[in-house]
């Protein structure tokens, strides 16, 4: 998401760990806010969409693969997910 003031960052990968956190950066205040993730499993190969809704924007995450990883573990393909997450 980028609405001119805020940037939403979801997940990530550092070559060892796949993350599932969600952060918003307020570019005017230069402050990060962490959003509670209702699905703590790491997710990849998903689709996401930010929608301007009233009264607030909504962030949807669709499908993808997910799995729990511990640092140093061998990566596995993960399990396909057909859920929809809403933030």
PDB file of N, CA and C in Angstrom:
ATOM      1  N   UNK A   1       0.845  -1.170   0.000  1.00  0.00           N
ATOM      2  CA  UNK A   1       0.000   0.000   0.000  1.00  0.00           C
ATOM      3  C   UNK A   1       0.888   1.230   0.000  1.00  0.00           C
ATOM      4  N   UNK A   2       0.520   2.204  -0.772  1.00  0.00           N
ATOM      5  CA  UNK A   2       1.165   3.500  -0.694  1.00  0.00           C
ATOM      6  C   UNK A   2       0.118   4.546  -1.049  1.00  0.00           C
ATOM      7  N   UNK A   3      -0.321   5.307  -0.056  1.00  0.00           N
ATOM      8  CA  UNK A   3      -1.356   6.314  -0.291  1.00  0.00           C
ATOM      9  C   UNK A   3      -0.786   7.724  -0.268  1.00  0.00           C
ATOM     10  N   UNK A   4       0.509   7.853  -0.454  1.00  0.00           N
ATOM     11  CA  UNK A   4       1.157   9.154  -0.408  1.00  0.00           C
ATOM     12  C   UNK A   4       1.698   9.489   0.958  1.00  0.00           C
ATOM     13  N   UNK A   5       1.227   8.788   1.984  1.00  0.00           N
ATOM     14  CA  UNK A   5       1.668   9.044   3.349  1.00  0.00           C
ATOM     15  C   UNK A   5       2.165   7.764   4.017  1.00  0.00           C
ATOM     16  N   UNK A   6       1.509   6.650   3.726  1.00  0.00           N
ATOM     17  CA  UNK A   6       1.837   5.389   4.401  1.00  0.00           C
ATOM     18  C   UNK A   6       2.243   4.317   3.394  1.00  0.00           C
ATOM     19  N   UNK A   7       3.167   3.473   3.831  1.00  0.00           N
ATOM     20  CA  UNK A   7       3.608   2.330   3.024  1.00  0.00           C
ATOM     21  C   UNK A   7       3.407   1.080   3.865  1.00  0.00           C
ATOM     22  N   UNK A   8       2.708   0.083   3.323  1.00  0.00           N
ATOM     23  CA  UNK A   8       2.482  -1.179   4.010  1.00  0.00           C
ATOM     24  C   UNK A   8       3.500  -2.200   3.525  1.00  0.00           C
ATOM     25  N   UNK A   9       4.131  -2.902   4.478  1.00  0.00           N
ATOM     26  CA  UNK A   9       5.113  -3.940   4.155  1.00  0.00           C
ATOM     27  C   UNK A   9       4.643  -5.239   4.803  1.00  0.00           C
ATOM     28  N   UNK A  10       4.504  -6.294   3.982  1.00  0.00           N
ATOM     29  CA  UNK A  10       4.040  -7.590   4.482  1.00  0.00           C
ATOM     30  C   UNK A  10       5.102  -8.654   4.228  1.00  0.00           C
ATOM     31  N   UNK A  11       5.442  -9.406   5.284  1.00  0.00           N
ATOM     32  CA  UNK A  11       6.325 -10.561   5.147  1.00  0.00           C
ATOM     33  C   UNK A  11       7.733 -10.222   4.725  1.00  0.00           C
ATOM     34  N   UNK A  12       8.357 -11.179   4.050  1.00  0.00           N
ATOM     35  CA  UNK A  12       9.723 -11.016   3.585  1.00  0.00           C
ATOM     36  C   UNK A  12      10.534 -12.280   3.794  1.00  0.00           C
ATOM     37  N   UNK A  13      11.726 -12.267   3.291  1.00  0.00           N
ATOM     38  CA  UNK A  13      12.610 -13.429   3.339  1.00  0.00           C
ATOM     39  C   UNK A  13      14.034 -12.919   3.435  1.00  0.00           C
ATOM     40  N   UNK A  14      14.823 -13.456   4.366  1.00  0.00           N
ATOM     41  CA  UNK A  14      16.206 -13.013   4.512  1.00  0.00           C
ATOM     42  C   UNK A  14      17.205 -14.105   4.162  1.00  0.00           C
ATOM     43  N   UNK A  15      16.793 -15.067   3.349  1.00  0.00           N
ATOM     44  CA  UNK A  15      17.605 -16.205   2.922  1.00  0.00           C
ATOM     45  C   UNK A  15      17.727 -17.279   3.997  1.00  0.00           C
ATOM     46  N   UNK A  16      17.122 -17.055   5.169  1.00  0.00           N
ATOM     47  CA  UNK A  16      17.108 -18.064   6.230  1.00  0.00           C
ATOM     48  C   UNK A  16      15.712 -18.226   6.819  1.00  0.00           C
ATOM     49  N   UNK A  17      14.998 -17.136   6.935  1.00  0.00           N
ATOM     50  CA  UNK A  17      13.698 -17.132   7.602  1.00  0.00           C
ATOM     51  C   UNK A  17      12.676 -16.426   6.709  1.00  0.00           C
ATOM     52  N   UNK A  18      11.474 -17.005   6.631  1.00  0.00           N
ATOM     53  CA  UNK A  18      10.364 -16.385   5.919  1.00  0.00           C
ATOM     54  C   UNK A  18       9.469 -15.733   6.977  1.00  0.00           C
ATOM     55  N   UNK A  19       9.203 -14.444   6.817  1.00  0.00           N
ATOM     56  CA  UNK A  19       8.461 -13.681   7.820  1.00  0.00           C
ATOM     57  C   UNK A  19       6.989 -13.529   7.444  1.00  0.00           C
ATOM     58  N   UNK A  20       6.159 -13.272   8.468  1.00  0.00           N
ATOM     59  CA  UNK A  20       4.738 -13.048   8.236  1.00  0.00           C
ATOM     60  C   UNK A  20       4.262 -11.758   8.901  1.00  0.00           C
ATOM     61  N   UNK A  21       5.190 -10.883   9.283  1.00  0.00           N
ATOM     62  CA  UNK A  21       4.783  -9.657   9.956  1.00  0.00           C
ATOM     63  C   UNK A  21       4.272  -8.606   8.977  1.00  0.00           C
ATOM     64  N   UNK A  22       3.491  -7.680   9.527  1.00  0.00           N
ATOM     65  CA  UNK A  22       2.926  -6.590   8.739  1.00  0.00           C
ATOM     66  C   UNK A  22       3.270  -5.282   9.453  1.00  0.00           C
ATOM     67  N   UNK A  23       3.881  -4.364   8.708  1.00  0.00           N
ATOM     68  CA  UNK A  23       4.248  -3.063   9.254  1.00  0.00           C
ATOM     69  C   UNK A  23       3.731  -1.962   8.336  1.00  0.00           C
ATOM     70  N   UNK A  24       3.418  -0.811   8.934  1.00  0.00           N
ATOM     71  CA  UNK A  24       3.064   0.380   8.169  1.00  0.00           C
ATOM     72  C   UNK A  24       4.055   1.475   8.532  1.00  0.00           C
ATOM     73  N   UNK A  25       4.641   2.093   7.507  1.00  0.00           N
ATOM     74  CA  UNK A  25       5.542   3.225   7.705  1.00  0.00           C
ATOM     75  C   UNK A  25       4.786   4.504   7.367  1.00  0.00           C
ATOM     76  N   UNK A  26       4.684   5.394   8.341  1.00  0.00           N
ATOM     77  CA  UNK A  26       4.123   6.728   8.104  1.00  0.00           C
ATOM     78  C   UNK A  26       5.285   7.586   7.620  1.00  0.00           C
ATOM     79  N   UNK A  27       5.263   7.959   6.341  1.00  0.00           N
ATOM     80  CA  UNK A  27       6.401   8.662   5.752  1.00  0.00           C
ATOM     81  C   UNK A  27       6.498  10.112   6.225  1.00  0.00           C
ATOM     82  N   UNK A  28       5.418  10.679   6.717  1.00  0.00           N
ATOM     83  CA  UNK A  28       5.479  12.046   7.241  1.00  0.00           C
ATOM     84  C   UNK A  28       6.079  12.082   8.639  1.00  0.00           C
ATOM     85  N   UNK A  29       5.660  11.144   9.496  1.00  0.00           N
ATOM     86  CA  UNK A  29       6.164  11.095  10.873  1.00  0.00           C
ATOM     87  C   UNK A  29       7.435  10.267  11.006  1.00  0.00           C
ATOM     88  N   UNK A  30       7.769   9.477   9.944  1.00  0.00           N
ATOM     89  CA  UNK A  30       8.909   8.561   9.980  1.00  0.00           C
ATOM     90  C   UNK A  30       8.773   7.577  11.150  1.00  0.00           C
ATOM     91  N   UNK A  31       7.556   6.984  11.295  1.00  0.00           N
ATOM     92  CA  UNK A  31       7.264   6.040  12.364  1.00  0.00           C
ATOM     93  C   UNK A  31       6.717   4.746  11.785  1.00  0.00           C
ATOM     94  N   UNK A  32       7.174   3.622  12.361  1.00  0.00           N
ATOM     95  CA  UNK A  32       6.690   2.297  11.987  1.00  0.00           C
ATOM     96  C   UNK A  32       5.639   1.852  12.974  1.00  0.00           C
ATOM     97  N   UNK A  33       4.585   1.194  12.478  1.00  0.00           N
ATOM     98  CA  UNK A  33       3.551   0.593  13.322  1.00  0.00           C
ATOM     99  C   UNK A  33       3.409  -0.858  12.900  1.00  0.00           C
ATOM    100  N   UNK A  34       3.456  -1.776  13.874  1.00  0.00           N
ATOM    101  CA  UNK A  34       3.253  -3.192  13.559  1.00  0.00           C
ATOM    102  C   UNK A  34       1.772  -3.512  13.678  1.00  0.00           C
ATOM    103  N   UNK A  35       1.235  -4.230  12.676  1.00  0.00           N
ATOM    104  CA  UNK A  35      -0.158  -4.652  12.658  1.00  0.00           C
ATOM    105  C   UNK A  35      -0.210  -6.112  13.100  1.00  0.00           C
ATOM    106  N   UNK A  36      -1.148  -6.451  13.985  1.00  0.00           N
ATOM    107  CA  UNK A  36      -1.280  -7.838  14.438  1.00  0.00           C
ATOM    108  C   UNK A  36      -1.701  -8.722  13.268  1.00  0.00           C
ATOM    109  N   UNK A  37      -0.941  -9.779  13.039  1.00  0.00           N
ATOM    110  CA  UNK A  37      -1.231 -10.714  11.956  1.00  0.00           C
ATOM    111  C   UNK A  37      -2.027 -11.880  12.520  1.00  0.00           C
ATOM    112  N   UNK A  38      -3.219 -12.122  11.985  1.00  0.00           N
ATOM    113  CA  UNK A  38      -4.077 -13.199  12.476  1.00  0.00           C
ATOM    114  C   UNK A  38      -3.648 -14.570  11.957  1.00  0.00           C
ATOM    115  N   UNK A  39      -2.711 -14.599  11.013  1.00  0.00           N
ATOM    116  CA  UNK A  39      -2.185 -15.856  10.484  1.00  0.00           C
ATOM    117  C   UNK A  39      -0.669 -15.841  10.616  1.00  0.00           C
ATOM    118  N   UNK A  40      -0.133 -16.374  11.714  1.00  0.00           N
ATOM    119  CA  UNK A  40       1.302 -16.266  11.966  1.00  0.00           C
ATOM    120  C   UNK A  40       2.185 -17.119  11.049  1.00  0.00           C
ATOM    121  N   UNK A  41       1.599 -17.996  10.225  1.00  0.00           N
ATOM    122  CA  UNK A  41       2.410 -18.801   9.327  1.00  0.00           C
ATOM    123  C   UNK A  41       2.955 -17.940   8.198  1.00  0.00           C
ATOM    124  N   UNK A  42       4.200 -18.188   7.834  1.00  0.00           N
ATOM    125  CA  UNK A  42       4.799 -17.487   6.702  1.00  0.00           C
ATOM    126  C   UNK A  42       4.034 -17.849   5.433  1.00  0.00           C
ATOM    127  N   UNK A  43       3.860 -16.867   4.540  1.00  0.00           N
ATOM    128  CA  UNK A  43       3.072 -17.076   3.325  1.00  0.00           C
ATOM    129  C   UNK A  43       3.849 -16.549   2.133  1.00  0.00           C
ATOM    130  N   UNK A  44       3.806 -17.266   1.009  1.00  0.00           N
ATOM    131  CA  UNK A  44       4.440 -16.835  -0.230  1.00  0.00           C
ATOM    132  C   UNK A  44       3.587 -17.289  -1.401  1.00  0.00           C
ATOM    133  N   UNK A  45       3.890 -16.791  -2.590  1.00  0.00           N
ATOM    134  CA  UNK A  45       3.117 -17.100  -3.808  1.00  0.00           C
ATOM    135  C   UNK A  45       1.640 -16.764  -3.625  1.00  0.00           C
ATOM    136  N   UNK A  46       1.375 -15.706  -2.906  1.00  0.00           N
ATOM    137  CA  UNK A  46       0.009 -15.257  -2.666  1.00  0.00           C
ATOM    138  C   UNK A  46      -0.277 -14.009  -3.499  1.00  0.00           C
ATOM    139  N   UNK A  47      -1.500 -13.575  -3.433  1.00  0.00           N
ATOM    140  CA  UNK A  47      -1.908 -12.336  -4.086  1.00  0.00           C
ATOM    141  C   UNK A  47      -2.441 -11.419  -2.995  1.00  0.00           C
ATOM    142  N   UNK A  48      -2.147 -10.129  -3.093  1.00  0.00           N
ATOM    143  CA  UNK A  48      -2.692  -9.195  -2.107  1.00  0.00           C
ATOM    144  C   UNK A  48      -3.201  -7.955  -2.822  1.00  0.00           C
ATOM    145  N   UNK A  49      -4.115  -7.276  -2.149  1.00  0.00           N
ATOM    146  CA  UNK A  49      -4.764  -6.126  -2.760  1.00  0.00           C
ATOM    147  C   UNK A  49      -5.167  -5.151  -1.666  1.00  0.00           C
ATOM    148  N   UNK A  50      -4.864  -3.866  -1.873  1.00  0.00           N
ATOM    149  CA  UNK A  50      -5.282  -2.817  -0.960  1.00  0.00           C
ATOM    150  C   UNK A  50      -6.480  -2.109  -1.605  1.00  0.00           C
ATOM    151  N   UNK A  51      -7.575  -1.983  -0.844  1.00  0.00           N
ATOM    152  CA  UNK A  51      -8.808  -1.400  -1.369  1.00  0.00           C
ATOM    153  C   UNK A  51      -9.209  -0.203  -0.514  1.00  0.00           C
ATOM    154  N   UNK A  52      -9.507   0.910  -1.163  1.00  0.00           N
ATOM    155  CA  UNK A  52      -9.986   2.075  -0.432  1.00  0.00           C
ATOM    156  C   UNK A  52     -11.450   1.849  -0.095  1.00  0.00           C
ATOM    157  N   UNK A  53     -11.744   1.707   1.177  1.00  0.00           N
ATOM    158  CA  UNK A  53     -13.105   1.449   1.642  1.00  0.00           C
ATOM    159  C   UNK A  53     -13.462   2.519   2.677  1.00  0.00           C
ATOM    160  N   UNK A  54     -14.719   2.626   2.998  1.00  0.00           N
ATOM    161  CA  UNK A  54     -15.151   3.615   3.985  1.00  0.00           C
ATOM    162  C   UNK A  54     -15.422   2.887   5.291  1.00  0.00           C
ATOM    163  N   UNK A  55     -14.875   3.283   6.428  1.00  0.00           N
ATOM    164  CA  UNK A  55     -14.114   4.507   6.620  1.00  0.00           C
ATOM    165  C   UNK A  55     -12.599   4.327   6.464  1.00  0.00           C
ATOM    166  N   UNK A  56     -12.103   3.102   6.326  1.00  0.00           N
ATOM    167  CA  UNK A  56     -10.662   2.850   6.274  1.00  0.00           C
ATOM    168  C   UNK A  56     -10.288   1.966   5.092  1.00  0.00           C
ATOM    169  N   UNK A  57      -9.033   2.044   4.683  1.00  0.00           N
ATOM    170  CA  UNK A  57      -8.509   1.130   3.669  1.00  0.00           C
ATOM    171  C   UNK A  57      -8.560  -0.295   4.201  1.00  0.00           C
ATOM    172  N   UNK A  58      -8.676  -1.270   3.305  1.00  0.00           N
ATOM    173  CA  UNK A  58      -8.665  -2.692   3.659  1.00  0.00           C
ATOM    174  C   UNK A  58      -7.574  -3.384   2.847  1.00  0.00           C
ATOM    175  N   UNK A  59      -6.861  -4.297   3.506  1.00  0.00           N
ATOM    176  CA  UNK A  59      -5.782  -5.047   2.862  1.00  0.00           C
ATOM    177  C   UNK A  59      -6.183  -6.516   2.841  1.00  0.00           C
ATOM    178  N   UNK A  60      -6.309  -7.100   1.648  1.00  0.00           N
ATOM    179  CA  UNK A  60      -6.693  -8.499   1.473  1.00  0.00           C
ATOM    180  C   UNK A  60      -5.478  -9.304   1.026  1.00  0.00           C
ATOM    181  N   UNK A  61      -5.304 -10.493   1.594  1.00  0.00           N
ATOM    182  CA  UNK A  61      -4.263 -11.439   1.172  1.00  0.00           C
ATOM    183  C   UNK A  61      -4.985 -12.716   0.775  1.00  0.00           C
ATOM    184  N   UNK A  62      -4.771 -13.182  -0.458  1.00  0.00           N
ATOM    185  CA  UNK A  62      -5.482 -14.336  -1.002  1.00  0.00           C
ATOM    186  C   UNK A  62      -4.539 -15.511  -1.212  1.00  0.00           C
ATOM    187  N   UNK A  63      -4.945 -16.694  -0.741  1.00  0.00           N
ATOM    188  CA  UNK A  63      -4.273 -17.946  -1.081  1.00  0.00           C
ATOM    189  C   UNK A  63      -2.785 -17.983  -0.816  1.00  0.00           C
ATOM    190  N   UNK A  64      -2.067 -18.697  -1.680  1.00  0.00           N
ATOM    191  CA  UNK A  64      -0.625 -18.855  -1.547  1.00  0.00           C
ATOM    192  C   UNK A  64      -0.254 -20.147  -0.852  1.00  0.00           C
ATOM    193  N   UNK A  65       1.011 -20.285  -0.570  1.00  0.00           N
ATOM    194  CA  UNK A  65       1.526 -21.423   0.190  1.00  0.00           C
ATOM    195  C   UNK A  65       1.989 -20.910   1.537  1.00  0.00           C
ATOM    196  N   UNK A  66       1.895 -21.765   2.565  1.00  0.00           N
ATOM    197  CA  UNK A  66       2.319 -21.336   3.894  1.00  0.00           C
ATOM    198  C   UNK A  66       2.915 -22.500   4.672  1.00  0.00           C
ATOM    199  N   UNK A  67       3.812 -22.148   5.594  1.00  0.00           N
ATOM    200  CA  UNK A  67       4.457 -23.132   6.453  1.00  0.00           C
ATOM    201  C   UNK A  67       5.144 -22.407   7.596  1.00  0.00           C
ATOM    202  N   UNK A  68       5.421 -23.129   8.655  1.00  0.00           N
ATOM    203  CA  UNK A  68       6.178 -22.580   9.781  1.00  0.00           C
ATOM    204  C   UNK A  68       7.638 -22.979   9.595  1.00  0.00           C
ATOM    205  N   UNK A  69       8.534 -22.021   9.736  1.00  0.00           N
ATOM    206  CA  UNK A  69       9.959 -22.293   9.584  1.00  0.00           C
ATOM    207  C   UNK A  69      10.708 -21.857  10.821  1.00  0.00           C
ATOM    208  N   UNK A  70      11.746 -22.592  11.144  1.00  0.00           N
ATOM    209  CA  UNK A  70      12.689 -22.194  12.176  1.00  0.00           C
ATOM    210  C   UNK A  70      14.021 -21.950  11.490  1.00  0.00           C
ATOM    211  N   UNK A  71      14.757 -20.959  11.969  1.00  0.00           N
ATOM    212  CA  UNK A  71      16.036 -20.638  11.357  1.00  0.00           C
ATOM    213  C   UNK A  71      16.925 -21.880  11.297  1.00  0.00           C
ATOM    214  N   UNK A  72      17.514 -22.121  10.147  1.00  0.00           N
ATOM    215  CA  UNK A  72      18.414 -23.250   9.961  1.00  0.00           C
ATOM    216  C   UNK A  72      17.733 -24.507   9.455  1.00  0.00           C
ATOM    217  N   UNK A  73      16.398 -24.568   9.495  1.00  0.00           N
ATOM    218  CA  UNK A  73      15.691 -25.744   8.988  1.00  0.00           C
ATOM    219  C   UNK A  73      15.714 -25.781   7.472  1.00  0.00           C
ATOM    220  N   UNK A  74      15.635 -26.981   6.924  1.00  0.00           N
ATOM    221  CA  UNK A  74      15.526 -27.136   5.476  1.00  0.00           C
ATOM    222  C   UNK A  74      14.151 -26.632   5.029  1.00  0.00           C
ATOM    223  N   UNK A  75      14.139 -25.858   3.944  1.00  0.00           N
ATOM    224  CA  UNK A  75      12.865 -25.348   3.430  1.00  0.00           C
ATOM    225  C   UNK A  75      12.050 -26.484   2.828  1.00  0.00           C
ATOM    226  N   UNK A  76      10.755 -26.423   3.053  1.00  0.00           N
ATOM    227  CA  UNK A  76       9.816 -27.386   2.488  1.00  0.00           C
ATOM    228  C   UNK A  76       8.860 -26.625   1.574  1.00  0.00           C
ATOM    229  N   UNK A  77       8.194 -27.296   0.658  1.00  0.00           N
ATOM    230  CA  UNK A  77       7.324 -26.595  -0.285  1.00  0.00           C
ATOM    231  C   UNK A  77       6.165 -25.847   0.370  1.00  0.00           C
ATOM    232  N   UNK A  78       5.725 -26.261   1.534  1.00  0.00           N
ATOM    233  CA  UNK A  78       4.595 -25.609   2.180  1.00  0.00           C
ATOM    234  C   UNK A  78       3.279 -26.221   1.741  1.00  0.00           C
ATOM    235  N   UNK A  79       2.225 -25.775   2.378  1.00  0.00           N
ATOM    236  CA  UNK A  79       0.883 -26.282   2.113  1.00  0.00           C
ATOM    237  C   UNK A  79       0.090 -25.186   1.410  1.00  0.00           C
ATOM    238  N   UNK A  80      -0.607 -25.546   0.333  1.00  0.00           N
ATOM    239  CA  UNK A  80      -1.437 -24.570  -0.365  1.00  0.00           C
ATOM    240  C   UNK A  80      -2.569 -24.110   0.524  1.00  0.00           C
ATOM    241  N   UNK A  81      -2.811 -22.823   0.539  1.00  0.00           N
ATOM    242  CA  UNK A  81      -3.866 -22.244   1.355  1.00  0.00           C
ATOM    243  C   UNK A  81      -4.875 -21.549   0.450  1.00  0.00           C
ATOM    244  N   UNK A  82      -6.150 -21.752   0.698  1.00  0.00           N
ATOM    245  CA  UNK A  82      -7.168 -21.047  -0.082  1.00  0.00           C
ATOM    246  C   UNK A  82      -7.919 -20.046   0.790  1.00  0.00           C
ATOM    247  N   UNK A  83      -7.265 -19.588   1.859  1.00  0.00           N
ATOM    248  CA  UNK A  83      -7.937 -18.636   2.743  1.00  0.00           C
ATOM    249  C   UNK A  83      -7.784 -17.205   2.248  1.00  0.00           C
ATOM    250  N   UNK A  84      -8.569 -16.315   2.831  1.00  0.00           N
ATOM    251  CA  UNK A  84      -8.492 -14.887   2.558  1.00  0.00           C
ATOM    252  C   UNK A  84      -8.308 -14.188   3.907  1.00  0.00           C
ATOM    253  N   UNK A  85      -7.259 -13.391   4.020  1.00  0.00           N
ATOM    254  CA  UNK A  85      -7.009 -12.631   5.248  1.00  0.00           C
ATOM    255  C   UNK A  85      -7.399 -11.185   4.981  1.00  0.00           C
ATOM    256  N   UNK A  86      -7.986 -10.525   5.976  1.00  0.00           N
ATOM    257  CA  UNK A  86      -8.422  -9.145   5.837  1.00  0.00           C
ATOM    258  C   UNK A  86      -7.828  -8.325   6.967  1.00  0.00           C
ATOM    259  N   UNK A  87      -7.188  -7.217   6.624  1.00  0.00           N
ATOM    260  CA  UNK A  87      -6.589  -6.306   7.613  1.00  0.00           C
ATOM    261  C   UNK A  87      -7.083  -4.908   7.375  1.00  0.00           C
TER     262      UNK A  87
END
